[in-house]
Amino acid sequence: MTTRWKVNITPAERTARVVIGGLGVLAGVVLLTSAPGVVAVVLELLLVVAGLDLVVTGALGHCPLYARLGHVPSSLKEKVS
């Protein structure tokens, strides 16, 4: 059974998510190389995970949180049936 998710993110937001998420992943990986303590490592790993989430949701065009909250951008409302 394959589920096709509806696009619920605008093209501009998708681009921003991929760019900002990619920068977050890159920053987290760079910072991990010089992590001075356990708390820093945990925070940097969280940065990497958050960045990956943004990249994936931006690439797919579907945000599960938006779907759960019932949020649909006004520019996409006429396209969603």
C-alpha atoms as a PDB file:
ATOM      1  CA  MET A   1       0.000   0.000   0.000  1.00  0.00           C
ATOM      2  CA  THR A   2       1.525   3.283  -1.124  1.00  0.00           C
ATOM      3  CA  THR A   3       0.367   6.575   0.340  1.00  0.00           C
ATOM      4  CA  ARG A   4       0.828   9.716  -1.726  1.00  0.00           C
ATOM      5  CA  TRP A   5       1.110  12.820   0.438  1.00  0.00           C
ATOM      6  CA  LYS A   6      -0.500  16.054  -0.686  1.00  0.00           C
ATOM      7  CA  VAL A   7       1.783  19.032  -1.170  1.00  0.00           C
ATOM      8  CA  ASN A   8       1.068  21.461   1.648  1.00  0.00           C
ATOM      9  CA  ILE A   9       4.139  23.700   1.415  1.00  0.00           C
ATOM     10  CA  THR A  10       4.500  26.564  -1.062  1.00  0.00           C
ATOM     11  CA  PRO A  11       7.382  26.482  -3.561  1.00  0.00           C
ATOM     12  CA  ALA A  12       9.107  29.413  -1.818  1.00  0.00           C
ATOM     13  CA  GLU A  13       8.874  27.698   1.563  1.00  0.00           C
ATOM     14  CA  ARG A  14      10.132  24.446   0.063  1.00  0.00           C
ATOM     15  CA  THR A  15      13.218  26.198  -1.280  1.00  0.00           C
ATOM     16  CA  ALA A  16      13.817  27.977   2.023  1.00  0.00           C
ATOM     17  CA  ARG A  17      13.470  24.718   3.967  1.00  0.00           C
ATOM     18  CA  VAL A  18      16.001  22.920   1.778  1.00  0.00           C
ATOM     19  CA  VAL A  19      18.529  25.785   1.906  1.00  0.00           C
ATOM     20  CA  ILE A  20      18.200  26.509   5.631  1.00  0.00           C
ATOM     21  CA  GLY A  21      18.062  22.809   6.498  1.00  0.00           C
ATOM     22  CA  GLY A  22      21.173  22.121   4.446  1.00  0.00           C
ATOM     23  CA  LEU A  23      22.999  24.941   6.192  1.00  0.00           C
ATOM     24  CA  GLY A  24      21.879  23.562   9.560  1.00  0.00           C
ATOM     25  CA  VAL A  25      23.174  20.093   8.723  1.00  0.00           C
ATOM     26  CA  LEU A  26      26.455  21.517   7.479  1.00  0.00           C
ATOM     27  CA  ALA A  27      26.892  23.713  10.569  1.00  0.00           C
ATOM     28  CA  GLY A  28      26.058  20.825  12.896  1.00  0.00           C
ATOM     29  CA  VAL A  29      28.564  18.510  11.239  1.00  0.00           C
ATOM     30  CA  VAL A  30      31.311  21.162  11.279  1.00  0.00           C
ATOM     31  CA  LEU A  31      30.648  21.967  14.932  1.00  0.00           C
ATOM     32  CA  LEU A  32      30.693  18.273  15.870  1.00  0.00           C
ATOM     33  CA  THR A  33      34.360  18.092  14.947  1.00  0.00           C
ATOM     34  CA  SER A  34      35.249  20.510  17.755  1.00  0.00           C
ATOM     35  CA  ALA A  35      32.619  19.651  20.386  1.00  0.00           C
ATOM     36  CA  PRO A  36      34.048  20.358  23.873  1.00  0.00           C
ATOM     37  CA  GLY A  37      31.464  18.455  25.933  1.00  0.00           C
ATOM     38  CA  VAL A  38      28.508  16.114  26.028  1.00  0.00           C
ATOM     39  CA  VAL A  39      25.908  18.898  26.093  1.00  0.00           C
ATOM     40  CA  ALA A  40      27.490  20.508  23.031  1.00  0.00           C
ATOM     41  CA  VAL A  41      27.475  17.204  21.154  1.00  0.00           C
ATOM     42  CA  VAL A  42      23.799  16.614  21.963  1.00  0.00           C
ATOM     43  CA  LEU A  43      22.835  20.130  20.830  1.00  0.00           C
ATOM     44  CA  GLU A  44      24.837  19.780  17.617  1.00  0.00           C
ATOM     45  CA  LEU A  45      23.209  16.423  16.866  1.00  0.00           C
ATOM     46  CA  LEU A  46      19.812  18.061  17.391  1.00  0.00           C
ATOM     47  CA  LEU A  47      20.841  20.757  14.912  1.00  0.00           C
ATOM     48  CA  VAL A  48      21.731  18.091  12.353  1.00  0.00           C
ATOM     49  CA  VAL A  49      18.429  16.237  12.885  1.00  0.00           C
ATOM     50  CA  ALA A  50      16.386  19.450  12.635  1.00  0.00           C
ATOM     51  CA  GLY A  51      18.255  20.363   9.449  1.00  0.00           C
ATOM     52  CA  LEU A  52      17.567  16.947   7.949  1.00  0.00           C
ATOM     53  CA  ASP A  53      13.883  17.318   8.804  1.00  0.00           C
ATOM     54  CA  LEU A  54      13.748  20.643   6.980  1.00  0.00           C
ATOM     55  CA  VAL A  55      15.564  19.217   3.942  1.00  0.00           C
ATOM     56  CA  VAL A  56      13.271  16.181   3.718  1.00  0.00           C
ATOM     57  CA  THR A  57      10.005  18.087   4.205  1.00  0.00           C
ATOM     58  CA  GLY A  58      11.151  20.718   1.721  1.00  0.00           C
ATOM     59  CA  ALA A  59      12.131  18.131  -0.865  1.00  0.00           C
ATOM     60  CA  LEU A  60       8.863  16.209  -0.473  1.00  0.00           C
ATOM     61  CA  GLY A  61       6.699  19.324  -0.259  1.00  0.00           C
ATOM     62  CA  HIS A  62       4.736  17.807   2.612  1.00  0.00           C
ATOM     63  CA  CYS A  63       4.921  18.808   6.269  1.00  0.00           C
ATOM     64  CA  PRO A  64       3.291  16.251   8.604  1.00  0.00           C
ATOM     65  CA  LEU A  65       2.823  18.909  11.298  1.00  0.00           C
ATOM     66  CA  TYR A  66       0.977  21.184   8.860  1.00  0.00           C
ATOM     67  CA  ALA A  67      -1.213  18.232   7.866  1.00  0.00           C
ATOM     68  CA  ARG A  68      -1.942  17.354  11.487  1.00  0.00           C
ATOM     69  CA  LEU A  69      -2.882  20.958  12.273  1.00  0.00           C
ATOM     70  CA  GLY A  70      -4.951  21.282   9.088  1.00  0.00           C
ATOM     71  CA  HIS A  71      -2.811  24.167   7.817  1.00  0.00           C
ATOM     72  CA  VAL A  72      -2.920  24.831   4.089  1.00  0.00           C
ATOM     73  CA  PRO A  73      -1.289  28.004   2.707  1.00  0.00           C
ATOM     74  CA  SER A  74      -3.772  30.300   0.978  1.00  0.00           C
ATOM     75  CA  SER A  75      -1.907  30.004  -2.327  1.00  0.00           C
ATOM     76  CA  LEU A  76      -2.472  26.231  -2.288  1.00  0.00           C
ATOM     77  CA  LYS A  77      -6.093  26.189  -1.090  1.00  0.00           C
ATOM     78  CA  GLU A  78      -7.596  26.257  -4.562  1.00  0.00           C
ATOM     79  CA  LYS A  79      -5.311  23.363  -5.608  1.00  0.00           C
ATOM     80  CA  VAL A  80      -6.235  21.104  -2.651  1.00  0.00           C
ATOM     81  CA  SER A  81      -9.523  19.294  -3.034  1.00  0.00           C
END
